[in-house]
Amino acid sequence: MTAVRRKRPKAKRKTRRTSNPRQAKKGATGKSKAKALLILECDSSKLAAQSISMADELRSVVELFAPHVKIEVVKTTTEETLKLQFAALAEHENRFGMIAVVGHGNADGIRLTSDRGVSWSAFANWVKIFEPKRMILIACQSGQETSARQMFAGIHTLNEVYASPVNISMPQSQIINVLIPYLLRTKTADADLIQIGQFFNFFVTRGIIFRWSRKEFQIRKSRT
């Protein structure tokens, strides 16, 4: 009898896995946008004249407690200058997981530059190009439901808004300075910890900070 030769199974070719291009998209420095912060100080010269400019201090705090985060600071003067600054950031495909905004605001909008005040809806159009997931508004009365709703409607990537529905004092702004590094260091904020911080802020400064989420507005809309 002749032996029957068994065919050896063909070796499987190893395929090289490629990452999802959307997931691999990163900013100019190679860091993901989730670890990038844009500090936008509106009408900066006026804030400096009133001794309430915060951009440089906030940058120092973040560099100390969240050193891995890429930071860009934009201090606005005129609308034309702001357009040039935003165009320069957009040209390098900069994206920011968080935008912290410092300025004079009210329930209707914010003083974007020395020569331009805009509604919250219009402001959302200005910054949506950077695809933020979190927005921190250090501006008076910016945390009301109507302003948050306009922000979510105008920025499809936005998931959370932290802001005060009433006027902000300097002590309260310092509390927010602590909140920002914490949020930058965590992907999902601890709801209980945030609530403790809100109570602490109220008892220490008599200030109020609201956390609005897109999910809350979706739930409200489904109930109506």
C-alpha atoms as a PDB file:
ATOM      1  CA  MET A   1       0.000   0.000   0.000  1.00  0.00           C
ATOM      2  CA  THR A   2       1.190   3.465  -0.750  1.00  0.00           C
ATOM      3  CA  ALA A   3       1.049   6.075   1.947  1.00  0.00           C
ATOM      4  CA  VAL A   4      -1.432   8.873   1.413  1.00  0.00           C
ATOM      5  CA  ARG A   5       0.149  12.264   1.688  1.00  0.00           C
ATOM      6  CA  ARG A   6      -1.727  14.731   3.806  1.00  0.00           C
ATOM      7  CA  LYS A   7      -1.866  18.252   2.558  1.00  0.00           C
ATOM      8  CA  ARG A   8      -0.472  20.732   4.979  1.00  0.00           C
ATOM      9  CA  PRO A   9      -2.862  23.567   5.764  1.00  0.00           C
ATOM     10  CA  LYS A  10      -1.760  26.844   4.291  1.00  0.00           C
ATOM     11  CA  ALA A  11      -0.390  29.239   6.833  1.00  0.00           C
ATOM     12  CA  LYS A  12      -2.665  32.136   7.465  1.00  0.00           C
ATOM     13  CA  ARG A  13      -1.268  35.436   6.338  1.00  0.00           C
ATOM     14  CA  LYS A  14      -0.967  37.950   9.069  1.00  0.00           C
ATOM     15  CA  THR A  15      -2.945  41.034   8.313  1.00  0.00           C
ATOM     16  CA  ARG A  16      -1.800  44.332   9.577  1.00  0.00           C
ATOM     17  CA  ARG A  17      -4.490  46.045  11.600  1.00  0.00           C
ATOM     18  CA  THR A  18      -5.029  49.647  10.894  1.00  0.00           C
ATOM     19  CA  SER A  19      -6.656  52.008  13.299  1.00  0.00           C
ATOM     20  CA  ASN A  20      -9.832  53.879  12.562  1.00  0.00           C
ATOM     21  CA  PRO A  21      -8.807  57.159  10.876  1.00  0.00           C
ATOM     22  CA  ARG A  22     -11.373  59.019  12.919  1.00  0.00           C
ATOM     23  CA  GLN A  23      -9.955  57.637  16.142  1.00  0.00           C
ATOM     24  CA  ALA A  24      -6.403  58.364  15.001  1.00  0.00           C
ATOM     25  CA  LYS A  25      -7.093  61.984  14.194  1.00  0.00           C
ATOM     26  CA  LYS A  26      -4.932  64.141  16.408  1.00  0.00           C
ATOM     27  CA  GLY A  27      -3.857  67.722  16.671  1.00  0.00           C
ATOM     28  CA  ALA A  28      -0.677  69.330  15.437  1.00  0.00           C
ATOM     29  CA  THR A  29       1.327  68.199  18.463  1.00  0.00           C
ATOM     30  CA  GLY A  30       0.241  64.549  18.171  1.00  0.00           C
ATOM     31  CA  LYS A  31      -1.921  64.609  21.290  1.00  0.00           C
ATOM     32  CA  SER A  32      -5.579  63.693  21.103  1.00  0.00           C
ATOM     33  CA  LYS A  33      -8.051  66.531  21.221  1.00  0.00           C
ATOM     34  CA  ALA A  34      -9.452  65.199  24.515  1.00  0.00           C
ATOM     35  CA  LYS A  35      -6.220  66.316  26.171  1.00  0.00           C
ATOM     36  CA  ALA A  36      -6.215  69.798  24.688  1.00  0.00           C
ATOM     37  CA  LEU A  37      -7.531  73.023  26.248  1.00  0.00           C
ATOM     38  CA  LEU A  38      -8.355  76.323  24.607  1.00  0.00           C
ATOM     39  CA  ILE A  39      -8.483  79.271  26.991  1.00  0.00           C
ATOM     40  CA  LEU A  40     -10.442  82.081  25.363  1.00  0.00           C
ATOM     41  CA  GLU A  41     -10.318  85.419  27.171  1.00  0.00           C
ATOM     42  CA  CYS A  42     -12.863  87.773  25.634  1.00  0.00           C
ATOM     43  CA  ASP A  43     -12.191  91.529  25.416  1.00  0.00           C
ATOM     44  CA  SER A  44      -8.940  90.871  27.241  1.00  0.00           C
ATOM     45  CA  SER A  45      -7.765  94.486  27.499  1.00  0.00           C
ATOM     46  CA  LYS A  46     -10.930  95.469  29.381  1.00  0.00           C
ATOM     47  CA  LEU A  47     -10.571  92.551  31.786  1.00  0.00           C
ATOM     48  CA  ALA A  48      -6.942  93.501  32.408  1.00  0.00           C
ATOM     49  CA  ALA A  49      -7.930  97.108  33.097  1.00  0.00           C
ATOM     50  CA  GLN A  50     -10.457  95.833  35.652  1.00  0.00           C
ATOM     51  CA  SER A  51      -7.845  93.507  37.218  1.00  0.00           C
ATOM     52  CA  ILE A  52      -9.958  90.435  36.445  1.00  0.00           C
ATOM     53  CA  SER A  53      -7.901  88.930  33.626  1.00  0.00           C
ATOM     54  CA  MET A  54      -7.598  85.185  34.318  1.00  0.00           C
ATOM     55  CA  ALA A  55      -6.124  83.499  31.236  1.00  0.00           C
ATOM     56  CA  ASP A  56      -2.477  83.458  32.337  1.00  0.00           C
ATOM     57  CA  GLU A  57      -3.332  82.340  35.876  1.00  0.00           C
ATOM     58  CA  LEU A  58      -5.563  79.562  34.569  1.00  0.00           C
ATOM     59  CA  ARG A  59      -2.837  78.393  32.222  1.00  0.00           C
ATOM     60  CA  SER A  60      -0.356  78.187  35.108  1.00  0.00           C
ATOM     61  CA  VAL A  61      -2.810  76.171  37.216  1.00  0.00           C
ATOM     62  CA  VAL A  62      -3.439  73.679  34.410  1.00  0.00           C
ATOM     63  CA  GLU A  63       0.279  73.339  33.641  1.00  0.00           C
ATOM     64  CA  LEU A  64       0.884  72.524  37.306  1.00  0.00           C
ATOM     65  CA  PHE A  65      -1.921  70.012  37.899  1.00  0.00           C
ATOM     66  CA  ALA A  66      -2.422  68.615  34.378  1.00  0.00           C
ATOM     67  CA  PRO A  67       0.999  68.904  32.712  1.00  0.00           C
ATOM     68  CA  HIS A  68       0.100  66.431  29.943  1.00  0.00           C
ATOM     69  CA  VAL A  69      -2.522  68.791  28.481  1.00  0.00           C
ATOM     70  CA  LYS A  70      -1.813  70.865  25.404  1.00  0.00           C
ATOM     71  CA  ILE A  71      -2.894  74.479  26.040  1.00  0.00           C
ATOM     72  CA  GLU A  72      -3.634  77.332  23.654  1.00  0.00           C
ATOM     73  CA  VAL A  73      -4.503  80.817  24.915  1.00  0.00           C
ATOM     74  CA  VAL A  74      -6.391  83.339  22.809  1.00  0.00           C
ATOM     75  CA  LYS A  75      -6.885  86.846  24.165  1.00  0.00           C
ATOM     76  CA  THR A  76      -9.348  88.761  22.052  1.00  0.00           C
ATOM     77  CA  THR A  77      -9.168  92.439  21.179  1.00  0.00           C
ATOM     78  CA  THR A  78     -11.039  93.191  17.960  1.00  0.00           C
ATOM     79  CA  GLU A  79     -13.218  90.931  15.845  1.00  0.00           C
ATOM     80  CA  GLU A  80     -10.750  91.083  12.956  1.00  0.00           C
ATOM     81  CA  THR A  81      -7.859  89.982  15.175  1.00  0.00           C
ATOM     82  CA  LEU A  82      -9.947  87.135  16.591  1.00  0.00           C
ATOM     83  CA  LYS A  83     -10.723  85.890  13.086  1.00  0.00           C
ATOM     84  CA  LEU A  84      -6.993  85.759  12.305  1.00  0.00           C
ATOM     85  CA  GLN A  85      -6.232  83.914  15.559  1.00  0.00           C
ATOM     86  CA  PHE A  86      -8.963  81.337  14.998  1.00  0.00           C
ATOM     87  CA  ALA A  87      -7.896  80.902  11.366  1.00  0.00           C
ATOM     88  CA  ALA A  88      -4.322  80.161  12.485  1.00  0.00           C
ATOM     89  CA  LEU A  89      -5.547  77.488  14.917  1.00  0.00           C
ATOM     90  CA  ALA A  90      -7.894  75.981  12.345  1.00  0.00           C
ATOM     91  CA  GLU A  91      -5.132  75.875   9.715  1.00  0.00           C
ATOM     92  CA  HIS A  92      -3.176  73.434  11.892  1.00  0.00           C
ATOM     93  CA  GLU A  93      -6.323  71.357  12.500  1.00  0.00           C
ATOM     94  CA  ASN A  94      -6.307  72.106  16.202  1.00  0.00           C
ATOM     95  CA  ARG A  95      -9.159  70.500  18.101  1.00  0.00           C
ATOM     96  CA  PHE A  96      -9.890  71.041  21.791  1.00  0.00           C
ATOM     97  CA  GLY A  97     -11.720  68.652  24.096  1.00  0.00           C
ATOM     98  CA  MET A  98     -12.363  71.595  26.424  1.00  0.00           C
ATOM     99  CA  ILE A  99     -12.786  75.318  25.931  1.00  0.00           C
ATOM    100  CA  ALA A 100     -12.644  77.631  28.967  1.00  0.00           C
ATOM    101  CA  VAL A 101     -14.147  81.038  28.280  1.00  0.00           C
ATOM    102  CA  VAL A 102     -13.478  84.123  30.403  1.00  0.00           C
ATOM    103  CA  GLY A 103     -15.416  87.315  29.791  1.00  0.00           C
ATOM    104  CA  HIS A 104     -18.319  89.629  30.535  1.00  0.00           C
ATOM    105  CA  GLY A 105     -21.619  87.948  29.853  1.00  0.00           C
ATOM    106  CA  ASN A 106     -25.303  87.842  30.680  1.00  0.00           C
ATOM    107  CA  ALA A 107     -28.278  85.598  29.997  1.00  0.00           C
ATOM    108  CA  ASP A 108     -28.400  86.716  26.351  1.00  0.00           C
ATOM    109  CA  GLY A 109     -24.762  86.458  25.311  1.00  0.00           C
ATOM    110  CA  ILE A 110     -21.145  87.481  25.803  1.00  0.00           C
ATOM    111  CA  ARG A 111     -18.871  90.421  24.938  1.00  0.00           C
ATOM    112  CA  LEU A 112     -16.711  88.486  22.478  1.00  0.00           C
ATOM    113  CA  THR A 113     -14.350  91.336  21.576  1.00  0.00           C
ATOM    114  CA  SER A 114     -14.053  95.046  22.300  1.00  0.00           C
ATOM    115  CA  ASP A 115     -16.168  95.786  19.220  1.00  0.00           C
ATOM    116  CA  ARG A 116     -18.518  92.803  19.175  1.00  0.00           C
ATOM    117  CA  GLY A 117     -21.088  91.342  21.533  1.00  0.00           C
ATOM    118  CA  VAL A 118     -22.787  88.114  20.425  1.00  0.00           C
ATOM    119  CA  SER A 119     -25.640  85.872  21.511  1.00  0.00           C
ATOM    120  CA  TRP A 120     -24.823  82.449  22.936  1.00  0.00           C
ATOM    121  CA  SER A 121     -26.079  80.915  19.711  1.00  0.00           C
ATOM    122  CA  ALA A 122     -23.710  83.091  17.662  1.00  0.00           C
ATOM    123  CA  PHE A 123     -20.861  82.323  20.064  1.00  0.00           C
ATOM    124  CA  ALA A 124     -21.422  78.606  19.480  1.00  0.00           C
ATOM    125  CA  ASN A 125     -20.935  79.216  15.753  1.00  0.00           C
ATOM    126  CA  TRP A 126     -17.593  80.882  16.455  1.00  0.00           C
ATOM    127  CA  VAL A 127     -16.106  77.957  18.408  1.00  0.00           C
ATOM    128  CA  LYS A 128     -17.796  74.877  16.927  1.00  0.00           C
ATOM    129  CA  ILE A 129     -14.913  74.438  14.465  1.00  0.00           C
ATOM    130  CA  PHE A 130     -12.771  73.228  17.390  1.00  0.00           C
ATOM    131  CA  GLU A 131     -15.210  70.406  18.243  1.00  0.00           C
ATOM    132  CA  PRO A 132     -15.206  70.797  22.052  1.00  0.00           C
ATOM    133  CA  LYS A 133     -16.761  68.166  24.291  1.00  0.00           C
ATOM    134  CA  ARG A 134     -16.797  70.360  27.417  1.00  0.00           C
ATOM    135  CA  MET A 135     -17.360  74.081  27.781  1.00  0.00           C
ATOM    136  CA  ILE A 136     -16.468  76.040  30.930  1.00  0.00           C
ATOM    137  CA  LEU A 137     -18.019  79.507  30.904  1.00  0.00           C
ATOM    138  CA  ILE A 138     -16.529  81.935  33.417  1.00  0.00           C
ATOM    139  CA  ALA A 139     -18.979  84.689  32.603  1.00  0.00           C
ATOM    140  CA  CYS A 140     -21.928  86.128  34.526  1.00  0.00           C
ATOM    141  CA  GLN A 141     -25.332  84.474  33.985  1.00  0.00           C
ATOM    142  CA  SER A 142     -23.919  82.138  31.335  1.00  0.00           C
ATOM    143  CA  GLY A 143     -25.235  78.990  33.029  1.00  0.00           C
ATOM    144  CA  GLN A 144     -28.938  79.550  32.460  1.00  0.00           C
ATOM    145  CA  GLU A 145     -30.967  76.901  30.672  1.00  0.00           C
ATOM    146  CA  THR A 146     -31.528  78.982  27.544  1.00  0.00           C
ATOM    147  CA  SER A 147     -27.821  79.679  27.028  1.00  0.00           C
ATOM    148  CA  ALA A 148     -26.894  76.015  27.592  1.00  0.00           C
ATOM    149  CA  ARG A 149     -29.572  74.923  25.152  1.00  0.00           C
ATOM    150  CA  GLN A 150     -28.194  77.266  22.489  1.00  0.00           C
ATOM    151  CA  MET A 151     -24.690  75.922  23.024  1.00  0.00           C
ATOM    152  CA  PHE A 152     -25.787  72.298  22.603  1.00  0.00           C
ATOM    153  CA  ALA A 153     -27.825  73.181  19.531  1.00  0.00           C
ATOM    154  CA  GLY A 154     -24.900  74.979  17.896  1.00  0.00           C
ATOM    155  CA  ILE A 155     -22.057  72.564  18.776  1.00  0.00           C
ATOM    156  CA  HIS A 156     -22.860  68.951  17.883  1.00  0.00           C
ATOM    157  CA  THR A 157     -19.786  67.551  19.691  1.00  0.00           C
ATOM    158  CA  LEU A 158     -20.581  69.272  22.995  1.00  0.00           C
ATOM    159  CA  ASN A 159     -21.561  66.999  25.904  1.00  0.00           C
ATOM    160  CA  GLU A 160     -21.236  69.209  29.001  1.00  0.00           C
ATOM    161  CA  VAL A 161     -21.478  72.874  29.966  1.00  0.00           C
ATOM    162  CA  TYR A 162     -20.269  74.186  33.333  1.00  0.00           C
ATOM    163  CA  ALA A 163     -21.335  77.734  34.134  1.00  0.00           C
ATOM    164  CA  SER A 164     -23.056  79.959  36.671  1.00  0.00           C
ATOM    165  CA  PRO A 165     -26.656  81.152  36.166  1.00  0.00           C
ATOM    166  CA  VAL A 166     -25.918  84.217  38.327  1.00  0.00           C
ATOM    167  CA  ASN A 167     -23.170  86.827  38.529  1.00  0.00           C
ATOM    168  CA  ILE A 168     -19.664  85.481  39.237  1.00  0.00           C
ATOM    169  CA  SER A 169     -17.348  86.859  41.903  1.00  0.00           C
ATOM    170  CA  MET A 170     -13.559  86.512  41.880  1.00  0.00           C
ATOM    171  CA  PRO A 171     -13.601  83.912  44.724  1.00  0.00           C
ATOM    172  CA  GLN A 172     -16.020  81.822  42.708  1.00  0.00           C
ATOM    173  CA  SER A 173     -13.786  82.043  39.638  1.00  0.00           C
ATOM    174  CA  GLN A 174     -10.959  80.592  41.728  1.00  0.00           C
ATOM    175  CA  ILE A 175     -13.134  77.565  42.518  1.00  0.00           C
ATOM    176  CA  ILE A 176     -13.651  77.080  38.782  1.00  0.00           C
ATOM    177  CA  ASN A 177      -9.872  77.194  38.340  1.00  0.00           C
ATOM    178  CA  VAL A 178      -9.710  74.054  40.492  1.00  0.00           C
ATOM    179  CA  LEU A 179     -12.544  72.370  38.576  1.00  0.00           C
ATOM    180  CA  ILE A 180     -10.859  72.690  35.179  1.00  0.00           C
ATOM    181  CA  PRO A 181      -7.710  70.593  35.913  1.00  0.00           C
ATOM    182  CA  TYR A 182      -9.896  67.908  37.493  1.00  0.00           C
ATOM    183  CA  LEU A 183     -12.081  67.668  34.385  1.00  0.00           C
ATOM    184  CA  LEU A 184      -9.002  67.551  32.156  1.00  0.00           C
ATOM    185  CA  ARG A 185      -7.631  64.604  34.123  1.00  0.00           C
ATOM    186  CA  THR A 186     -10.765  62.497  33.868  1.00  0.00           C
ATOM    187  CA  LYS A 187     -12.756  61.201  30.921  1.00  0.00           C
ATOM    188  CA  THR A 188     -15.995  60.865  32.875  1.00  0.00           C
ATOM    189  CA  ALA A 189     -16.547  63.207  35.801  1.00  0.00           C
ATOM    190  CA  ASP A 190     -17.774  61.706  39.075  1.00  0.00           C
ATOM    191  CA  ALA A 191     -21.299  63.114  39.539  1.00  0.00           C
ATOM    192  CA  ASP A 192     -21.126  62.824  43.339  1.00  0.00           C
ATOM    193  CA  LEU A 193     -17.772  64.601  43.457  1.00  0.00           C
ATOM    194  CA  ILE A 194     -19.065  67.385  41.219  1.00  0.00           C
ATOM    195  CA  GLN A 195     -22.075  67.811  43.496  1.00  0.00           C
ATOM    196  CA  ILE A 196     -19.827  68.043  46.558  1.00  0.00           C
ATOM    197  CA  GLY A 197     -17.844  70.726  44.766  1.00  0.00           C
ATOM    198  CA  GLN A 198     -21.047  72.623  43.982  1.00  0.00           C
ATOM    199  CA  PHE A 199     -22.079  72.570  47.656  1.00  0.00           C
ATOM    200  CA  PHE A 200     -18.586  73.620  48.736  1.00  0.00           C
ATOM    201  CA  ASN A 201     -18.620  76.492  46.265  1.00  0.00           C
ATOM    202  CA  PHE A 202     -21.981  77.695  47.564  1.00  0.00           C
ATOM    203  CA  PHE A 203     -21.039  77.612  51.244  1.00  0.00           C
ATOM    204  CA  VAL A 204     -17.647  79.251  50.682  1.00  0.00           C
ATOM    205  CA  THR A 205     -18.454  81.843  48.002  1.00  0.00           C
ATOM    206  CA  ARG A 206     -22.279  81.835  47.908  1.00  0.00           C
ATOM    207  CA  GLY A 207     -21.831  81.146  44.209  1.00  0.00           C
ATOM    208  CA  ILE A 208     -23.629  78.640  42.001  1.00  0.00           C
ATOM    209  CA  ILE A 209     -22.160  76.448  39.285  1.00  0.00           C
ATOM    210  CA  PHE A 210     -24.481  74.392  37.110  1.00  0.00           C
ATOM    211  CA  ARG A 211     -23.479  71.323  35.138  1.00  0.00           C
ATOM    212  CA  TRP A 212     -25.625  70.924  32.051  1.00  0.00           C
ATOM    213  CA  SER A 213     -25.395  67.773  29.927  1.00  0.00           C
ATOM    214  CA  ARG A 214     -26.704  67.077  26.457  1.00  0.00           C
ATOM    215  CA  LYS A 215     -28.380  63.939  27.811  1.00  0.00           C
ATOM    216  CA  GLU A 216     -30.517  66.048  30.185  1.00  0.00           C
ATOM    217  CA  PHE A 217     -31.895  68.096  27.314  1.00  0.00           C
ATOM    218  CA  GLN A 218     -32.577  64.976  25.257  1.00  0.00           C
ATOM    219  CA  ILE A 219     -34.533  63.458  28.163  1.00  0.00           C
ATOM    220  CA  ARG A 220     -36.526  66.665  28.641  1.00  0.00           C
ATOM    221  CA  LYS A 221     -37.320  66.824  24.947  1.00  0.00           C
ATOM    222  CA  SER A 222     -38.556  63.197  24.916  1.00  0.00           C
ATOM    223  CA  ARG A 223     -40.915  63.923  27.821  1.00  0.00           C
ATOM    224  CA  THR A 224     -42.542  66.914  26.150  1.00  0.00           C
END
